[in-house]
C-alpha atoms as a PDB file:
ATOM      1  CA  MET A   1     -12.120 -28.700  23.869  1.00  0.00           C
ATOM      2  CA  ILE A   2      -9.497 -27.618  21.633  1.00  0.00           C
ATOM      3  CA  PRO A   3      -8.057 -24.719  22.048  1.00  0.00           C
ATOM      4  CA  LEU A   4      -8.567 -22.661  18.677  1.00  0.00           C
ATOM      5  CA  ALA A   5      -9.311 -19.599  19.905  1.00  0.00           C
ATOM      6  CA  PRO A   6      -5.751 -18.343  20.665  1.00  0.00           C
ATOM      7  CA  LEU A   7      -4.639 -19.165  17.385  1.00  0.00           C
ATOM      8  CA  PHE A   8      -7.305 -17.640  15.472  1.00  0.00           C
ATOM      9  CA  ILE A   9      -6.913 -14.207  17.899  1.00  0.00           C
ATOM     10  CA  GLN A  10      -3.090 -14.657  16.583  1.00  0.00           C
ATOM     11  CA  ILE A  11      -4.015 -15.211  13.090  1.00  0.00           C
ATOM     12  CA  LYS A  12      -6.837 -12.081  13.198  1.00  0.00           C
ATOM     13  CA  GLU A  13      -4.081  -9.730  14.735  1.00  0.00           C
ATOM     14  CA  ASN A  14      -1.504 -10.686  11.937  1.00  0.00           C
ATOM     15  CA  LEU A  15      -4.056 -10.044   9.339  1.00  0.00           C
ATOM     16  CA  VAL A  16      -4.872  -6.593  10.369  1.00  0.00           C
ATOM     17  CA  GLN A  17      -1.303  -5.869  10.659  1.00  0.00           C
ATOM     18  CA  LEU A  18      -1.016  -7.209   7.249  1.00  0.00           C
ATOM     19  CA  SER A  19      -3.735  -5.025   5.878  1.00  0.00           C
ATOM     20  CA  GLU A  20      -2.176  -2.075   7.279  1.00  0.00           C
ATOM     21  CA  VAL A  21       1.355  -2.910   5.666  1.00  0.00           C
ATOM     22  CA  LEU A  22      -0.548  -3.231   2.644  1.00  0.00           C
ATOM     23  CA  LEU A  23      -2.149   0.190   2.640  1.00  0.00           C
ATOM     24  CA  ARG A  24       1.154   1.751   3.614  1.00  0.00           C
ATOM     25  CA  GLU A  25       2.652  -0.077   0.574  1.00  0.00           C
ATOM     26  CA  ARG A  26       0.079   1.250  -1.757  1.00  0.00           C
ATOM     27  CA  SER A  27       1.144   4.953  -0.520  1.00  0.00           C
ATOM     28  CA  ALA A  28       4.840   4.090  -0.706  1.00  0.00           C
ATOM     29  CA  LEU A  29       4.169   2.631  -4.661  1.00  0.00           C
ATOM     30  CA  ALA A  30       2.572   6.005  -5.009  1.00  0.00           C
ATOM     31  CA  THR A  31       5.647   7.690  -4.106  1.00  0.00           C
ATOM     32  CA  ALA A  32       8.013   5.464  -5.493  1.00  0.00           C
ATOM     33  CA  LYS A  33      10.284   5.400  -2.525  1.00  0.00           C
ATOM     34  CA  PRO A  34      12.352   1.834  -3.123  1.00  0.00           C
ATOM     35  CA  ASP A  35      13.655   1.864   0.600  1.00  0.00           C
ATOM     36  CA  ASP A  36      10.244   2.177   1.743  1.00  0.00           C
ATOM     37  CA  ILE A  37       8.888  -0.626  -0.545  1.00  0.00           C
ATOM     38  CA  LEU A  38      11.412  -3.075   0.461  1.00  0.00           C
ATOM     39  CA  GLN A  39      10.989  -2.459   4.124  1.00  0.00           C
ATOM     40  CA  LEU A  40       7.345  -3.248   3.675  1.00  0.00           C
ATOM     41  CA  ALA A  41       8.001  -6.296   1.655  1.00  0.00           C
ATOM     42  CA  SER A  42       9.935  -7.541   4.364  1.00  0.00           C
ATOM     43  CA  GLU A  43       7.253  -6.904   6.983  1.00  0.00           C
ATOM     44  CA  LYS A  44       4.936  -8.631   4.781  1.00  0.00           C
ATOM     45  CA  LYS A  45       6.888 -11.593   4.698  1.00  0.00           C
ATOM     46  CA  ALA A  46       7.603 -11.667   8.355  1.00  0.00           C
ATOM     47  CA  LEU A  47       3.525 -11.466   9.124  1.00  0.00           C
ATOM     48  CA  LEU A  48       2.672 -14.059   6.591  1.00  0.00           C
ATOM     49  CA  ASP A  49       5.450 -16.523   8.092  1.00  0.00           C
ATOM     50  CA  ALA A  50       3.698 -15.857  11.516  1.00  0.00           C
ATOM     51  CA  ILE A  51      -0.015 -16.698   9.714  1.00  0.00           C
ATOM     52  CA  ASP A  52       1.798 -19.800   8.099  1.00  0.00           C
ATOM     53  CA  THR A  53       3.130 -20.886  11.505  1.00  0.00           C
ATOM     54  CA  ALA A  54      -0.094 -20.284  13.609  1.00  0.00           C
ATOM     55  CA  ASN A  55      -1.880 -22.347  10.470  1.00  0.00           C
ATOM     56  CA  SER A  56       0.422 -25.194  10.867  1.00  0.00           C
ATOM     57  CA  LYS A  57      -0.020 -25.289  14.560  1.00  0.00           C
ATOM     58  CA  ARG A  58      -3.985 -25.296  14.233  1.00  0.00           C
ATOM     59  CA  GLN A  59      -3.758 -28.087  11.806  1.00  0.00           C
ATOM     60  CA  SER A  60      -1.005 -30.081  13.829  1.00  0.00           C
ATOM     61  CA  MET A  61      -3.834 -29.665  16.820  1.00  0.00           C
ATOM     62  CA  LEU A  62      -6.749 -30.697  14.914  1.00  0.00           C
ATOM     63  CA  ILE A  63      -4.881 -33.755  13.463  1.00  0.00           C
ATOM     64  CA  LYS A  64      -3.836 -34.450  17.305  1.00  0.00           C
ATOM     65  CA  PHE A  65      -7.597 -34.450  18.034  1.00  0.00           C
ATOM     66  CA  GLY A  66      -8.863 -36.626  15.277  1.00  0.00           C
ATOM     67  CA  VAL A  67     -10.532 -33.707  13.381  1.00  0.00           C
ATOM     68  CA  LEU A  68      -8.599 -33.762  10.444  1.00  0.00           C
ATOM     69  CA  ASN A  69      -7.066 -36.782   8.618  1.00  0.00           C
ATOM     70  CA  PRO A  70      -3.458 -36.661   9.137  1.00  0.00           C
ATOM     71  CA  LYS A  71      -2.981 -38.118   5.736  1.00  0.00           C
ATOM     72  CA  LYS A  72      -4.827 -35.709   3.715  1.00  0.00           C
ATOM     73  CA  PRO A  73      -5.838 -32.722   5.955  1.00  0.00           C
ATOM     74  CA  SER A  74      -8.334 -30.099   4.570  1.00  0.00           C
ATOM     75  CA  ASP A  75      -9.711 -26.901   5.462  1.00  0.00           C
ATOM     76  CA  LYS A  76     -13.140 -28.444   4.378  1.00  0.00           C
ATOM     77  CA  GLN A  77     -13.034 -31.012   7.087  1.00  0.00           C
ATOM     78  CA  PHE A  78     -12.309 -28.631   9.425  1.00  0.00           C
ATOM     79  CA  PHE A  79     -15.354 -26.272   8.387  1.00  0.00           C
ATOM     80  CA  ALA A  80     -17.623 -29.297   8.456  1.00  0.00           C
ATOM     81  CA  TRP A  81     -16.128 -30.252  12.267  1.00  0.00           C
ATOM     82  CA  LEU A  82     -16.781 -26.768  13.021  1.00  0.00           C
ATOM     83  CA  SER A  83     -20.374 -26.354  11.667  1.00  0.00           C
ATOM     84  CA  GLN A  84     -21.462 -29.201  13.904  1.00  0.00           C
ATOM     85  CA  GLN A  85     -19.738 -27.625  17.201  1.00  0.00           C
ATOM     86  CA  ASP A  86     -22.284 -25.962  19.278  1.00  0.00           C
ATOM     87  CA  ASN A  87     -20.337 -24.586  21.927  1.00  0.00           C
ATOM     88  CA  MET A  88     -17.583 -22.635  19.711  1.00  0.00           C
ATOM     89  CA  GLU A  89     -19.412 -19.827  18.570  1.00  0.00           C
ATOM     90  CA  ASP A  90     -16.555 -17.404  19.693  1.00  0.00           C
ATOM     91  CA  VAL A  91     -14.050 -19.692  17.279  1.00  0.00           C
ATOM     92  CA  LYS A  92     -16.878 -19.641  14.464  1.00  0.00           C
ATOM     93  CA  SER A  93     -16.757 -15.688  14.522  1.00  0.00           C
ATOM     94  CA  LEU A  94     -13.095 -15.868  14.637  1.00  0.00           C
ATOM     95  CA  VAL A  95     -13.046 -17.657  11.677  1.00  0.00           C
ATOM     96  CA  GLU A  96     -15.655 -15.630   9.768  1.00  0.00           C
ATOM     97  CA  GLU A  97     -13.529 -12.515  10.682  1.00  0.00           C
ATOM     98  CA  CYS A  98     -10.344 -14.295   9.704  1.00  0.00           C
ATOM     99  CA  GLU A  99     -11.623 -15.280   6.158  1.00  0.00           C
ATOM    100  CA  ARG A 100     -12.847 -11.824   5.490  1.00  0.00           C
ATOM    101  CA  LEU A 101      -9.640  -9.936   6.340  1.00  0.00           C
ATOM    102  CA  LEU A 102      -7.785 -12.551   4.352  1.00  0.00           C
ATOM    103  CA  ASN A 103     -10.067 -12.008   1.405  1.00  0.00           C
ATOM    104  CA  LYS A 104      -9.484  -7.897   2.014  1.00  0.00           C
ATOM    105  CA  CYS A 105      -5.563  -8.531   2.299  1.00  0.00           C
ATOM    106  CA  LYS A 106      -5.628 -10.655  -1.091  1.00  0.00           C
ATOM    107  CA  GLN A 107      -7.575  -7.909  -2.865  1.00  0.00           C
ATOM    108  CA  ASP A 108      -5.476  -5.180  -1.540  1.00  0.00           C
ATOM    109  CA  ASN A 109      -2.149  -7.271  -2.525  1.00  0.00           C
ATOM    110  CA  GLN A 110      -3.385  -7.674  -6.074  1.00  0.00           C
ATOM    111  CA  THR A 111      -4.252  -4.142  -6.579  1.00  0.00           C
ATOM    112  CA  ASN A 112      -1.080  -3.223  -5.037  1.00  0.00           C
ATOM    113  CA  ALA A 113       0.877  -5.688  -7.825  1.00  0.00           C
ATOM    114  CA  ARG A 114      -1.165  -4.356 -10.362  1.00  0.00           C
ATOM    115  CA  ILE A 115       0.364  -0.860  -9.568  1.00  0.00           C
ATOM    116  CA  LEU A 116       3.890  -2.201  -9.376  1.00  0.00           C
ATOM    117  CA  SER A 117       3.073  -3.792 -12.683  1.00  0.00           C
ATOM    118  CA  THR A 118       2.159  -0.761 -14.176  1.00  0.00           C
ATOM    119  CA  LEU A 119       5.134   1.231 -12.584  1.00  0.00           C
ATOM    120  CA  GLN A 120       7.504  -1.395 -14.039  1.00  0.00           C
ATOM    121  CA  LYS A 121       5.979  -1.061 -17.679  1.00  0.00           C
ATOM    122  CA  ARG A 122       6.468   2.773 -17.144  1.00  0.00           C
ATOM    123  CA  ASN A 123       9.907   2.695 -16.282  1.00  0.00           C
ATOM    124  CA  LYS A 124      10.911   0.170 -18.810  1.00  0.00           C
ATOM    125  CA  THR A 125       9.398   2.307 -21.748  1.00  0.00           C
ATOM    126  CA  MET A 126      11.176   5.436 -20.193  1.00  0.00           C
ATOM    127  CA  LEU A 127      14.619   3.700 -20.041  1.00  0.00           C
ATOM    128  CA  GLU A 128      13.923   2.708 -23.960  1.00  0.00           C
ATOM    129  CA  MET A 129      13.143   5.946 -24.900  1.00  0.00           C
ATOM    130  CA  LEU A 130      16.526   7.222 -23.251  1.00  0.00           C
ATOM    131  CA  GLN A 131      18.353   4.416 -24.881  1.00  0.00           C
ATOM    132  CA  GLY A 132      16.680   5.287 -28.187  1.00  0.00           C
ATOM    133  CA  HIS A 133      15.137   2.028 -28.594  1.00  0.00           C
ATOM    134  CA  ASN A 134      11.607   1.649 -30.465  1.00  0.00           C
ATOM    135  CA  ARG A 135       9.711  -1.436 -29.301  1.00  0.00           C
ATOM    136  CA  LYS A 136       8.397  -1.990 -32.905  1.00  0.00           C
ATOM    137  CA  ASN A 137      11.819  -2.246 -34.081  1.00  0.00           C
ATOM    138  CA  LYS A 138      13.557  -5.699 -32.943  1.00  0.00           C
ATOM    139  CA  VAL A 139      15.908  -7.976 -34.402  1.00  0.00           C
ATOM    140  CA  TYR A 140      16.594 -11.563 -33.607  1.00  0.00           C
ATOM    141  CA  THR A 141      19.650 -12.463 -31.807  1.00  0.00           C
ATOM    142  CA  SER A 142      21.841 -15.513 -32.153  1.00  0.00           C
ATOM    143  CA  ASN A 143      20.014 -17.384 -29.556  1.00  0.00           C
ATOM    144  CA  GLY A 144      16.654 -16.747 -30.994  1.00  0.00           C
ATOM    145  CA  ASN A 145      15.570 -14.038 -28.621  1.00  0.00           C
ATOM    146  CA  THR A 146      14.574 -10.553 -29.876  1.00  0.00           C
ATOM    147  CA  ARG A 147      16.353  -7.173 -29.045  1.00  0.00           C
ATOM    148  CA  PRO A 148      15.446  -3.790 -29.639  1.00  0.00           C
ATOM    149  CA  VAL A 149      17.238  -1.940 -32.565  1.00  0.00           C
ATOM    150  CA  SER A 150      19.131   1.046 -31.091  1.00  0.00           C
ATOM    151  CA  SER A 151      18.984   4.377 -32.772  1.00  0.00           C
ATOM    152  CA  LYS A 152      22.337   6.323 -32.856  1.00  0.00           C
ATOM    153  CA  HIS A 153      20.570   9.312 -31.948  1.00  0.00           C
ATOM    154  CA  THR A 154      19.417   8.561 -28.227  1.00  0.00           C
ATOM    155  CA  ILE A 155      18.734  11.203 -25.542  1.00  0.00           C
ATOM    156  CA  GLY A 156      21.407   9.887 -23.435  1.00  0.00           C
ATOM    157  CA  ARG A 157      24.187  10.507 -26.193  1.00  0.00           C
ATOM    158  CA  ALA A 158      22.821  14.088 -26.604  1.00  0.00           C
END
């Protein structure tokens, strides 16, 4: 029997922690605290690295036991093999739980990315207003890019 349950338990625990970090990240984005956001980003990276490591161990183990093709291992092969196993109900339920948590984390991360994008656009607009730039008035530079035309009457100069 292949010892997959401990790996999936570890992945599940990491996904639960990642979900909590994503929730805290959303709160930090709402309060716009850059130090908190950077701290949470490093926590997310550490959790994702741990999940990747556990997933690599799982894949190596499945290749070693002949479940996956060593040249082209895929999750499709794993799921097909797992569905044929009668005595691995605990692993099947852990896999389902991990998939559910992973989808929730992906959705939460996309939501946070949209919030961050909105904040970046808002900050850029505010900076342009302070600098006296108008988005509609742009000129071409010597290398073919565009840049805003600045006004002589900026809030920053007042």
